[in-house]
Amino acid sequence: MSTDPYAAGPGRAGDAYAADPYGSNGRTASGRPGEDVGDGSLGSLVGNLTGDLSRLMRGELALAKAEAKEEVGQAGKGAGMLAGAGVGGHMVLVFASLALMFALGSFMPIGWGALIVAALWAIVAGVLYSTGRKSLQRATPPMQETVDTLKEDAQWAKRPRG
């Protein structure tokens, strides 16, 4: 008869534990009923630690994805406003060119009218550029919440257990 209390046999987890490390047979990690998992073998402790770290990393990844989506949305707004500023800048060139053409061609009021329209487009482009730039500046910092939780996790992992 074996003296190993963890060996397979009647009432022991044995090979069933190897197939199901989480003990769905009603037993704890060591295979003994009612025993705290913290008192298990080194293998079961490493298994529990690996599972905990895996869940932690999945949680961190989910947080990073959520933050990245938020940052991309913010950057998208800024990029759209900068695109609007580009269109406005193009309009400035068109109307400024028309105004210059009419002003040089003849000193009639239509040229000055085109110049006023160009000045209005310059104002619109300036406002869009300024707003878009501010929006992009808010989106550029790293994902702060993810960075903070990763730092907390590193501190937790370094903390001595006893």
C-alpha atoms as a PDB file:
ATOM      1  CA  MET A   1       0.000   0.000   0.000  1.00  0.00           C
ATOM      2  CA  SER A   2       1.293   3.437  -0.927  1.00  0.00           C
ATOM      3  CA  THR A   3       2.059   5.923   1.834  1.00  0.00           C
ATOM      4  CA  ASP A   4       1.662   8.882  -0.523  1.00  0.00           C
ATOM      5  CA  PRO A   5      -1.515  10.711   0.574  1.00  0.00           C
ATOM      6  CA  TYR A   6      -1.837  12.250  -2.900  1.00  0.00           C
ATOM      7  CA  ALA A   7      -1.592   9.008  -4.864  1.00  0.00           C
ATOM      8  CA  ALA A   8      -4.501   7.788  -6.956  1.00  0.00           C
ATOM      9  CA  GLY A   9      -6.828   5.409  -5.233  1.00  0.00           C
ATOM     10  CA  PRO A  10     -10.301   5.160  -3.738  1.00  0.00           C
ATOM     11  CA  GLY A  11     -11.430   8.627  -2.705  1.00  0.00           C
ATOM     12  CA  ARG A  12      -8.399  10.333  -4.268  1.00  0.00           C
ATOM     13  CA  ALA A  13      -8.287  12.764  -7.188  1.00  0.00           C
ATOM     14  CA  GLY A  14      -5.290  11.106  -8.872  1.00  0.00           C
ATOM     15  CA  ASP A  15      -5.594  11.159 -12.668  1.00  0.00           C
ATOM     16  CA  ALA A  16      -8.906  13.023 -12.517  1.00  0.00           C
ATOM     17  CA  TYR A  17      -7.048  16.029 -11.107  1.00  0.00           C
ATOM     18  CA  ALA A  18      -4.611  15.980 -14.016  1.00  0.00           C
ATOM     19  CA  ALA A  19      -7.528  16.049 -16.460  1.00  0.00           C
ATOM     20  CA  ASP A  20      -9.379  18.774 -14.520  1.00  0.00           C
ATOM     21  CA  PRO A  21      -7.013  21.015 -12.547  1.00  0.00           C
ATOM     22  CA  TYR A  22      -9.883  23.091 -11.148  1.00  0.00           C
ATOM     23  CA  GLY A  23     -11.381  20.120  -9.368  1.00  0.00           C
ATOM     24  CA  SER A  24     -14.913  19.996 -10.717  1.00  0.00           C
ATOM     25  CA  ASN A  25     -15.173  16.666  -8.892  1.00  0.00           C
ATOM     26  CA  GLY A  26     -15.814  18.613  -5.683  1.00  0.00           C
ATOM     27  CA  ARG A  27     -12.291  18.411  -4.359  1.00  0.00           C
ATOM     28  CA  THR A  28      -9.717  21.138  -3.864  1.00  0.00           C
ATOM     29  CA  ALA A  29      -6.483  21.516  -5.852  1.00  0.00           C
ATOM     30  CA  SER A  30      -4.662  18.918  -3.741  1.00  0.00           C
ATOM     31  CA  GLY A  31      -7.450  16.390  -4.146  1.00  0.00           C
ATOM     32  CA  ARG A  32      -8.451  16.332  -0.476  1.00  0.00           C
ATOM     33  CA  PRO A  33     -12.016  17.391   0.375  1.00  0.00           C
ATOM     34  CA  GLY A  34     -12.406  20.580   2.380  1.00  0.00           C
ATOM     35  CA  GLU A  35      -8.747  21.547   2.269  1.00  0.00           C
ATOM     36  CA  ASP A  36      -7.854  25.191   1.567  1.00  0.00           C
ATOM     37  CA  VAL A  37      -6.245  25.615  -1.848  1.00  0.00           C
ATOM     38  CA  GLY A  38      -3.514  27.738  -0.217  1.00  0.00           C
ATOM     39  CA  ASP A  39      -2.178  24.586   1.495  1.00  0.00           C
ATOM     40  CA  GLY A  40      -1.858  22.659  -1.793  1.00  0.00           C
ATOM     41  CA  SER A  41       1.225  21.376  -3.515  1.00  0.00           C
ATOM     42  CA  LEU A  42       3.691  23.612  -5.286  1.00  0.00           C
ATOM     43  CA  GLY A  43       2.211  22.556  -8.614  1.00  0.00           C
ATOM     44  CA  SER A  44      -1.293  23.580  -7.620  1.00  0.00           C
ATOM     45  CA  LEU A  45      -0.040  26.895  -6.237  1.00  0.00           C
ATOM     46  CA  VAL A  46       1.826  27.596  -9.473  1.00  0.00           C
ATOM     47  CA  GLY A  47      -1.294  26.603 -11.400  1.00  0.00           C
ATOM     48  CA  ASN A  48      -3.428  28.982  -9.351  1.00  0.00           C
ATOM     49  CA  LEU A  49      -0.874  31.763  -9.787  1.00  0.00           C
ATOM     50  CA  THR A  50      -0.768  31.160 -13.530  1.00  0.00           C
ATOM     51  CA  GLY A  51      -4.558  31.294 -13.721  1.00  0.00           C
ATOM     52  CA  ASP A  52      -4.679  34.494 -11.672  1.00  0.00           C
ATOM     53  CA  LEU A  53      -2.019  36.139 -13.828  1.00  0.00           C
ATOM     54  CA  SER A  54      -3.865  35.047 -16.953  1.00  0.00           C
ATOM     55  CA  ARG A  55      -7.111  36.604 -15.699  1.00  0.00           C
ATOM     56  CA  LEU A  56      -5.233  39.751 -14.687  1.00  0.00           C
ATOM     57  CA  MET A  57      -3.643  40.101 -18.122  1.00  0.00           C
ATOM     58  CA  ARG A  58      -7.008  39.537 -19.855  1.00  0.00           C
ATOM     59  CA  GLY A  59      -8.472  42.289 -17.694  1.00  0.00           C
ATOM     60  CA  GLU A  60      -5.597  44.634 -18.504  1.00  0.00           C
ATOM     61  CA  LEU A  61      -5.993  43.878 -22.205  1.00  0.00           C
ATOM     62  CA  ALA A  62      -9.718  44.633 -22.054  1.00  0.00           C
ATOM     63  CA  LEU A  63      -8.981  47.923 -20.297  1.00  0.00           C
ATOM     64  CA  ALA A  64      -6.354  48.833 -22.891  1.00  0.00           C
ATOM     65  CA  LYS A  65      -8.807  48.081 -25.719  1.00  0.00           C
ATOM     66  CA  ALA A  66     -11.487  50.256 -24.160  1.00  0.00           C
ATOM     67  CA  GLU A  67      -9.058  53.129 -23.620  1.00  0.00           C
ATOM     68  CA  ALA A  68      -7.673  52.793 -27.141  1.00  0.00           C
ATOM     69  CA  LYS A  69     -11.188  53.031 -28.595  1.00  0.00           C
ATOM     70  CA  GLU A  70     -11.781  56.204 -26.616  1.00  0.00           C
ATOM     71  CA  GLU A  71      -8.450  57.705 -27.726  1.00  0.00           C
ATOM     72  CA  VAL A  72      -9.075  56.807 -31.375  1.00  0.00           C
ATOM     73  CA  GLY A  73     -12.480  58.482 -31.238  1.00  0.00           C
ATOM     74  CA  GLN A  74     -10.912  61.646 -29.845  1.00  0.00           C
ATOM     75  CA  ALA A  75      -8.154  61.583 -32.469  1.00  0.00           C
ATOM     76  CA  GLY A  76     -10.774  61.022 -35.191  1.00  0.00           C
ATOM     77  CA  LYS A  77     -12.574  64.213 -34.213  1.00  0.00           C
ATOM     78  CA  GLY A  78      -9.336  66.171 -34.331  1.00  0.00           C
ATOM     79  CA  ALA A  79      -8.402  64.688 -37.696  1.00  0.00           C
ATOM     80  CA  GLY A  80     -11.835  65.597 -39.083  1.00  0.00           C
ATOM     81  CA  MET A  81     -11.455  69.176 -37.938  1.00  0.00           C
ATOM     82  CA  LEU A  82      -7.984  69.365 -39.454  1.00  0.00           C
ATOM     83  CA  ALA A  83      -9.432  68.048 -42.718  1.00  0.00           C
ATOM     84  CA  GLY A  84     -12.025  70.827 -42.526  1.00  0.00           C
ATOM     85  CA  ALA A  85      -9.190  73.283 -41.993  1.00  0.00           C
ATOM     86  CA  GLY A  86      -7.557  71.899 -45.141  1.00  0.00           C
ATOM     87  CA  VAL A  87     -10.743  72.473 -47.143  1.00  0.00           C
ATOM     88  CA  GLY A  88     -10.979  75.965 -45.668  1.00  0.00           C
ATOM     89  CA  GLY A  89      -7.367  76.634 -46.593  1.00  0.00           C
ATOM     90  CA  HIS A  90      -8.073  75.497 -50.140  1.00  0.00           C
ATOM     91  CA  MET A  91     -11.015  77.873 -50.313  1.00  0.00           C
ATOM     92  CA  VAL A  92      -8.760  80.700 -49.091  1.00  0.00           C
ATOM     93  CA  LEU A  93      -6.431  80.036 -52.001  1.00  0.00           C
ATOM     94  CA  VAL A  94      -9.312  79.917 -54.503  1.00  0.00           C
ATOM     95  CA  PHE A  95     -10.965  83.126 -53.338  1.00  0.00           C
ATOM     96  CA  ALA A  96      -7.695  84.948 -52.712  1.00  0.00           C
ATOM     97  CA  SER A  97      -6.631  84.038 -56.231  1.00  0.00           C
ATOM     98  CA  LEU A  98      -9.962  85.225 -57.640  1.00  0.00           C
ATOM     99  CA  ALA A  99      -9.761  88.424 -55.614  1.00  0.00           C
ATOM    100  CA  LEU A 100      -6.237  89.093 -56.779  1.00  0.00           C
ATOM    101  CA  MET A 101      -7.231  88.376 -60.368  1.00  0.00           C
ATOM    102  CA  PHE A 102     -10.219  90.726 -60.267  1.00  0.00           C
ATOM    103  CA  ALA A 103      -8.296  93.387 -58.324  1.00  0.00           C
ATOM    104  CA  LEU A 104      -5.435  93.379 -60.766  1.00  0.00           C
ATOM    105  CA  GLY A 105      -7.729  93.141 -63.816  1.00  0.00           C
ATOM    106  CA  SER A 106      -9.790  96.110 -62.854  1.00  0.00           C
ATOM    107  CA  PHE A 107     -10.441  98.009 -59.675  1.00  0.00           C
ATOM    108  CA  MET A 108     -14.096  97.057 -59.582  1.00  0.00           C
ATOM    109  CA  PRO A 109     -16.023  96.138 -56.430  1.00  0.00           C
ATOM    110  CA  ILE A 110     -16.384  92.449 -57.402  1.00  0.00           C
ATOM    111  CA  GLY A 111     -12.686  91.898 -56.688  1.00  0.00           C
ATOM    112  CA  TRP A 112     -12.988  93.399 -53.253  1.00  0.00           C
ATOM    113  CA  GLY A 113     -16.032  91.246 -52.615  1.00  0.00           C
ATOM    114  CA  ALA A 114     -14.051  88.140 -53.462  1.00  0.00           C
ATOM    115  CA  LEU A 115     -11.321  89.319 -51.091  1.00  0.00           C
ATOM    116  CA  ILE A 116     -13.821  89.682 -48.249  1.00  0.00           C
ATOM    117  CA  VAL A 117     -15.093  86.130 -48.881  1.00  0.00           C
ATOM    118  CA  ALA A 118     -11.504  84.873 -48.816  1.00  0.00           C
ATOM    119  CA  ALA A 119     -10.953  86.616 -45.474  1.00  0.00           C
ATOM    120  CA  LEU A 120     -14.069  84.929 -44.067  1.00  0.00           C
ATOM    121  CA  TRP A 121     -12.778  81.544 -45.222  1.00  0.00           C
ATOM    122  CA  ALA A 122      -9.455  82.278 -43.545  1.00  0.00           C
ATOM    123  CA  ILE A 123     -11.286  82.841 -40.259  1.00  0.00           C
ATOM    124  CA  VAL A 124     -13.240  79.571 -40.646  1.00  0.00           C
ATOM    125  CA  ALA A 125     -10.040  77.667 -41.443  1.00  0.00           C
ATOM    126  CA  GLY A 126      -8.292  79.196 -38.431  1.00  0.00           C
ATOM    127  CA  VAL A 127     -11.114  78.224 -36.068  1.00  0.00           C
ATOM    128  CA  LEU A 128     -11.255  74.647 -37.416  1.00  0.00           C
ATOM    129  CA  TYR A 129      -7.485  74.296 -37.215  1.00  0.00           C
ATOM    130  CA  SER A 130      -7.337  75.583 -33.652  1.00  0.00           C
ATOM    131  CA  THR A 131     -10.190  73.340 -32.477  1.00  0.00           C
ATOM    132  CA  GLY A 132      -8.785  70.268 -34.253  1.00  0.00           C
ATOM    133  CA  ARG A 133      -5.314  70.820 -32.860  1.00  0.00           C
ATOM    134  CA  LYS A 134      -6.635  71.080 -29.298  1.00  0.00           C
ATOM    135  CA  SER A 135      -8.633  67.885 -29.773  1.00  0.00           C
ATOM    136  CA  LEU A 136      -5.568  66.002 -31.018  1.00  0.00           C
ATOM    137  CA  GLN A 137      -3.455  67.287 -28.130  1.00  0.00           C
ATOM    138  CA  ARG A 138      -5.978  65.863 -25.644  1.00  0.00           C
ATOM    139  CA  ALA A 139      -5.797  62.461 -27.369  1.00  0.00           C
ATOM    140  CA  THR A 140      -1.998  62.109 -27.474  1.00  0.00           C
ATOM    141  CA  PRO A 141      -1.133  61.210 -23.850  1.00  0.00           C
ATOM    142  CA  PRO A 142      -0.707  57.487 -23.176  1.00  0.00           C
ATOM    143  CA  MET A 143      -3.662  55.533 -21.903  1.00  0.00           C
ATOM    144  CA  GLN A 144      -3.301  56.801 -18.358  1.00  0.00           C
ATOM    145  CA  GLU A 145      -5.712  54.417 -16.631  1.00  0.00           C
ATOM    146  CA  THR A 146      -3.993  51.386 -18.156  1.00  0.00           C
ATOM    147  CA  VAL A 147      -0.553  52.726 -17.214  1.00  0.00           C
ATOM    148  CA  ASP A 148      -1.720  53.347 -13.634  1.00  0.00           C
ATOM    149  CA  THR A 149      -3.194  49.860 -13.193  1.00  0.00           C
ATOM    150  CA  LEU A 150      -0.095  48.235 -14.675  1.00  0.00           C
ATOM    151  CA  LYS A 151       2.029  50.136 -12.150  1.00  0.00           C
ATOM    152  CA  GLU A 152      -0.280  48.972  -9.347  1.00  0.00           C
ATOM    153  CA  ASP A 153      -0.026  45.382 -10.594  1.00  0.00           C
ATOM    154  CA  ALA A 154       3.771  45.605 -10.639  1.00  0.00           C
ATOM    155  CA  GLN A 155       3.777  46.917  -7.060  1.00  0.00           C
ATOM    156  CA  TRP A 156       1.427  44.120  -5.999  1.00  0.00           C
ATOM    157  CA  ALA A 157       3.648  41.496  -7.629  1.00  0.00           C
ATOM    158  CA  LYS A 158       6.748  42.879  -5.852  1.00  0.00           C
ATOM    159  CA  ARG A 159       5.059  42.879  -2.431  1.00  0.00           C
ATOM    160  CA  PRO A 160       6.384  40.062  -0.209  1.00  0.00           C
ATOM    161  CA  ARG A 161       3.879  37.446   0.884  1.00  0.00           C
ATOM    162  CA  GLY A 162       3.995  36.013   4.290  1.00  0.00           C
END
